[in-house]
Each structure stands twice: as structure tokens, then as C-alpha cells.
Amino acid sequence: MNPINFNSIKNELQTALQERLRLTPLVGETAGFTLVEGFLNSPLQTEISGSLVIGGPNIPMVAIVGNSSGRMYFFALKAVLPNLTI
């Protein structure tokens, strides 16, 4: 499996997010959004033990920041680009 480079899909991400937000606008965001330049990973764990487990299953995500509120919004990468092979 080849790694996915953020810059190689950045324009596709931007377009897909704009379409998603056109259909379901973010409440209170009147000045658009800024795409965070990179991927985030949300780890999945089967129990809460007080310690963080490094490695294991995770959800690759992208984030945007609302230009008017400064709020961050997170999206699962596969939900934004369902045809992407991860």
C-alpha cells in the first residue's frame, strides 16, 4: 500500500468539502473555512485504562477551521473521499 500524500489530494479534498458544506452549511460560519494542512488520526481503543495506547486501529481524518468562529470541524477521510484507497 502506498502512502497518501496530503498535497496530492488537497484540491480534491477542498472541492469535496465545499460541496458537502454547500449541502449542509456550518451554523454560524459566514466567512468560509480554511483546510488544515495535513491528516489527523483518531485512535480507537477497546478500554479506558488511564493510559494512552500508541499504535493500533485509527480513523484517518481531515479538519477545517471556520474563518468566522475559529471552530475546528473534523471529517473522516473516507467520508469526504469515499473512492480513496487507504
Protein backbone atom coordinates (compact mmCIF):
# COMPACT_ATOMS: atom_id res chain seq x y z
CA MET A 1 0.00 0.00 0.00
CA ASN A 2 1.39 3.40 -0.99
CA PRO A 3 1.16 6.27 1.48
CA ILE A 4 -1.22 9.10 0.61
CA ASN A 5 0.42 12.49 0.32
CA PHE A 6 -1.79 15.33 1.57
CA ASN A 7 -0.62 17.77 -1.10
CA SER A 8 -1.51 15.31 -3.88
CA ILE A 9 -5.19 15.23 -2.83
CA LYS A 10 -5.52 18.72 -1.33
CA ASN A 11 -7.52 20.19 -4.25
CA GLU A 12 -9.81 17.16 -4.36
CA LEU A 13 -10.37 17.45 -0.58
CA GLN A 14 -11.12 21.18 -0.83
CA THR A 15 -13.67 20.59 -3.60
CA ALA A 16 -15.36 17.69 -1.77
CA LEU A 17 -15.57 19.67 1.48
CA GLN A 18 -17.00 22.72 -0.29
CA GLU A 19 -19.70 20.54 -1.86
CA ARG A 20 -20.50 18.89 1.48
CA LEU A 21 -20.77 22.27 3.19
CA ARG A 22 -22.91 23.67 0.38
CA LEU A 23 -25.44 20.90 1.09
CA THR A 24 -25.12 21.14 4.89
CA PRO A 25 -23.78 24.56 5.91
CA LEU A 26 -21.99 25.02 9.22
CA VAL A 27 -24.19 27.09 11.53
CA GLY A 28 -22.66 30.48 12.31
CA GLU A 29 -19.88 30.21 9.73
CA THR A 30 -20.28 33.17 7.39
CA ALA A 31 -16.69 33.64 6.21
CA GLY A 32 -15.90 30.20 4.81
CA PHE A 33 -13.29 27.82 6.13
CA THR A 34 -9.59 27.01 5.98
CA LEU A 35 -8.40 23.45 5.39
CA VAL A 36 -5.84 22.26 7.97
CA GLU A 37 -2.70 21.24 6.04
CA GLY A 38 -2.35 17.56 6.93
CA PHE A 39 -4.05 14.45 8.25
CA LEU A 40 -5.10 13.67 11.81
CA ASN A 41 -5.59 10.20 13.25
CA SER A 42 -8.16 9.43 15.89
CA PRO A 43 -7.10 6.25 17.75
CA LEU A 44 -9.60 3.56 18.65
CA GLN A 45 -9.24 1.75 21.97
CA THR A 46 -11.25 -1.06 23.48
CA GLU A 47 -10.95 0.14 27.07
CA ILE A 48 -10.20 3.23 29.11
CA SER A 49 -7.37 2.47 31.47
CA GLY A 50 -5.90 5.90 32.12
CA SER A 51 -3.03 5.39 29.71
CA LEU A 52 -2.82 6.06 26.01
CA VAL A 53 -2.03 3.13 23.75
CA ILE A 54 0.21 4.07 20.82
CA GLY A 55 -0.44 2.22 17.58
CA GLY A 56 -3.41 0.10 16.66
CA PRO A 57 -6.55 0.96 14.74
CA ASN A 58 -7.34 4.58 13.99
CA ILE A 59 -9.59 6.76 11.85
CA PRO A 60 -7.75 8.95 9.32
CA MET A 61 -9.30 12.42 9.40
CA VAL A 62 -9.07 15.90 7.91
CA ALA A 63 -10.02 19.12 9.64
CA ILE A 64 -11.18 22.59 8.72
CA VAL A 65 -11.29 25.79 10.74
CA GLY A 66 -14.26 28.14 10.41
CA ASN A 67 -12.92 31.55 9.41
CA SER A 68 -15.60 33.45 11.33
CA SER A 69 -15.71 31.42 14.56
CA GLY A 70 -12.34 29.69 14.78
CA ARG A 71 -14.10 26.39 15.50
CA MET A 72 -12.48 23.19 14.21
CA TYR A 73 -14.55 20.62 12.37
CA PHE A 74 -13.31 17.06 11.79
CA PHE A 75 -14.24 14.71 8.96
CA ALA A 76 -13.34 11.07 8.39
CA LEU A 77 -11.17 10.99 5.27
CA LYS A 78 -13.19 8.15 3.69
CA ALA A 79 -16.45 10.07 4.29
CA VAL A 80 -15.08 13.03 2.32
CA LEU A 81 -13.36 10.98 -0.42
CA PRO A 82 -15.11 7.59 -0.42
CA ASN A 83 -13.25 6.32 -3.50
CA LEU A 84 -9.83 6.90 -1.91
CA THR A 85 -7.90 3.68 -1.25
CA ILE A 86 -6.42 3.80 2.24
